[in-house]
Amino acid sequence: MKHKNSATHPALFAGLWHFLSLLEILEHHSVDDLWVMRDELLSASPLLAQLMAQN
């Protein structure tokens, strides 16, 4: 089956929402801050750390 559009409007808006959220985060936090937050989250959650290690 061939589709006219490769993406739906809701999917495009969802992607835009994620992009704008990321821009908001980057306006308020440095990249180094984000790495520290990631490390703290992974150390607090062994299951999440295991899932991240698989990717």
N, C-alpha and C. Protein backbone atom coordinates (compact mmCIF):
# COMPACT_ATOMS: atom_id res chain seq x y z
N MET A 1 0.84 -1.17 0.00
CA MET A 1 0.00 0.00 0.00
C MET A 1 0.90 1.24 0.00
N LYS A 2 0.56 2.19 -0.84
CA LYS A 2 1.35 3.41 -0.94
C LYS A 2 0.61 4.57 -0.25
N HIS A 3 1.36 5.33 0.55
CA HIS A 3 0.77 6.44 1.28
C HIS A 3 1.15 7.76 0.62
N LYS A 4 0.23 8.72 0.67
CA LYS A 4 0.52 10.05 0.13
C LYS A 4 1.50 10.80 1.02
N ASN A 5 1.26 10.77 2.34
CA ASN A 5 2.09 11.49 3.29
C ASN A 5 2.94 10.50 4.08
N SER A 6 4.17 10.89 4.36
CA SER A 6 5.04 10.00 5.12
C SER A 6 4.86 10.17 6.62
N ALA A 7 4.20 11.25 7.05
CA ALA A 7 3.99 11.49 8.49
C ALA A 7 2.63 12.14 8.69
N THR A 8 2.03 11.84 9.84
CA THR A 8 0.74 12.46 10.15
C THR A 8 0.97 13.78 10.88
N HIS A 9 -0.05 14.61 10.91
CA HIS A 9 0.06 15.88 11.63
C HIS A 9 0.33 15.67 13.12
N PRO A 10 -0.37 14.75 13.79
CA PRO A 10 -0.06 14.54 15.21
C PRO A 10 1.39 14.11 15.43
N ALA A 11 1.93 13.29 14.54
CA ALA A 11 3.32 12.87 14.69
C ALA A 11 4.27 14.05 14.51
N LEU A 12 3.99 14.91 13.57
CA LEU A 12 4.83 16.10 13.36
C LEU A 12 4.77 17.03 14.56
N PHE A 13 3.57 17.22 15.11
CA PHE A 13 3.43 18.07 16.30
C PHE A 13 4.13 17.46 17.51
N ALA A 14 4.09 16.14 17.63
CA ALA A 14 4.79 15.48 18.73
C ALA A 14 6.29 15.70 18.61
N GLY A 15 6.82 15.58 17.40
CA GLY A 15 8.24 15.82 17.18
C GLY A 15 8.61 17.26 17.46
N LEU A 16 7.76 18.19 17.05
CA LEU A 16 8.00 19.60 17.31
C LEU A 16 8.00 19.88 18.81
N TRP A 17 7.08 19.25 19.55
CA TRP A 17 7.00 19.42 21.00
C TRP A 17 8.30 18.97 21.66
N HIS A 18 8.82 17.82 21.22
CA HIS A 18 10.08 17.32 21.79
C HIS A 18 11.24 18.27 21.46
N PHE A 19 11.26 18.78 20.26
CA PHE A 19 12.32 19.71 19.85
C PHE A 19 12.27 20.99 20.68
N LEU A 20 11.08 21.55 20.85
CA LEU A 20 10.95 22.78 21.63
C LEU A 20 11.28 22.54 23.10
N SER A 21 10.93 21.38 23.62
CA SER A 21 11.27 21.04 25.01
C SER A 21 12.78 20.97 25.18
N LEU A 22 13.45 20.38 24.20
CA LEU A 22 14.91 20.28 24.26
C LEU A 22 15.55 21.67 24.21
N LEU A 23 15.03 22.54 23.36
CA LEU A 23 15.56 23.91 23.31
C LEU A 23 15.39 24.63 24.64
N GLU A 24 14.25 24.42 25.29
CA GLU A 24 13.99 25.03 26.59
C GLU A 24 15.00 24.53 27.63
N ILE A 25 15.27 23.24 27.62
CA ILE A 25 16.24 22.66 28.55
C ILE A 25 17.63 23.25 28.31
N LEU A 26 18.02 23.36 27.04
CA LEU A 26 19.35 23.87 26.71
C LEU A 26 19.50 25.35 27.04
N GLU A 27 18.40 26.09 27.10
CA GLU A 27 18.47 27.50 27.48
C GLU A 27 18.78 27.66 28.97
N HIS A 28 18.40 26.68 29.78
CA HIS A 28 18.52 26.80 31.23
C HIS A 28 19.65 25.97 31.84
N HIS A 29 20.19 25.03 31.09
CA HIS A 29 21.23 24.15 31.63
C HIS A 29 22.36 24.02 30.63
N SER A 30 23.58 23.95 31.14
CA SER A 30 24.72 23.71 30.25
C SER A 30 24.78 22.21 29.93
N VAL A 31 25.54 21.89 28.93
CA VAL A 31 25.70 20.48 28.55
C VAL A 31 26.35 19.71 29.70
N ASP A 32 27.30 20.33 30.37
CA ASP A 32 27.93 19.68 31.52
C ASP A 32 26.92 19.38 32.62
N ASP A 33 26.00 20.31 32.87
CA ASP A 33 24.94 20.08 33.85
C ASP A 33 24.08 18.87 33.46
N LEU A 34 23.79 18.76 32.17
CA LEU A 34 22.97 17.64 31.70
C LEU A 34 23.68 16.31 31.89
N TRP A 35 25.00 16.28 31.66
CA TRP A 35 25.76 15.04 31.89
C TRP A 35 25.75 14.66 33.37
N VAL A 36 25.86 15.66 34.24
CA VAL A 36 25.81 15.39 35.68
C VAL A 36 24.45 14.84 36.06
N MET A 37 23.37 15.44 35.54
CA MET A 37 22.03 14.94 35.82
C MET A 37 21.85 13.50 35.34
N ARG A 38 22.38 13.21 34.15
CA ARG A 38 22.31 11.85 33.61
C ARG A 38 23.03 10.87 34.51
N ASP A 39 24.24 11.23 34.94
CA ASP A 39 25.01 10.33 35.81
C ASP A 39 24.30 10.10 37.14
N GLU A 40 23.69 11.15 37.69
CA GLU A 40 22.96 11.00 38.96
C GLU A 40 21.74 10.11 38.79
N LEU A 41 21.05 10.27 37.68
CA LEU A 41 19.88 9.44 37.43
C LEU A 41 20.27 7.98 37.25
N LEU A 42 21.33 7.73 36.50
CA LEU A 42 21.76 6.35 36.28
C LEU A 42 22.28 5.70 37.55
N SER A 43 22.93 6.48 38.42
CA SER A 43 23.42 5.89 39.67
C SER A 43 22.27 5.61 40.63
N ALA A 44 21.17 6.34 40.51
CA ALA A 44 20.01 6.14 41.38
C ALA A 44 19.13 4.99 40.90
N SER A 45 19.24 4.63 39.64
CA SER A 45 18.38 3.60 39.08
C SER A 45 19.21 2.55 38.34
N PRO A 46 19.55 1.44 39.00
CA PRO A 46 20.33 0.39 38.35
C PRO A 46 19.64 -0.20 37.12
N LEU A 47 18.31 -0.32 37.16
CA LEU A 47 17.59 -0.87 36.01
C LEU A 47 17.73 0.05 34.80
N LEU A 48 17.60 1.35 35.02
CA LEU A 48 17.75 2.30 33.92
C LEU A 48 19.18 2.27 33.38
N ALA A 49 20.16 2.16 34.26
CA ALA A 49 21.56 2.08 33.83
C ALA A 49 21.78 0.83 32.98
N GLN A 50 21.15 -0.26 33.36
CA GLN A 50 21.30 -1.51 32.60
C GLN A 50 20.67 -1.35 31.21
N LEU A 51 19.52 -0.71 31.13
CA LEU A 51 18.87 -0.49 29.85
C LEU A 51 19.69 0.43 28.96
N MET A 52 20.28 1.46 29.54
CA MET A 52 21.12 2.38 28.77
C MET A 52 22.37 1.69 28.24
N ALA A 53 22.90 0.75 29.01
CA ALA A 53 24.13 0.05 28.61
C ALA A 53 23.86 -0.87 27.42
N GLN A 54 22.63 -1.32 27.26
CA GLN A 54 22.29 -2.21 26.15
C GLN A 54 22.26 -1.46 24.83
N ASN A 55 22.01 -0.16 24.88
CA ASN A 55 21.90 0.63 23.62
C ASN A 55 23.21 1.16 23.27
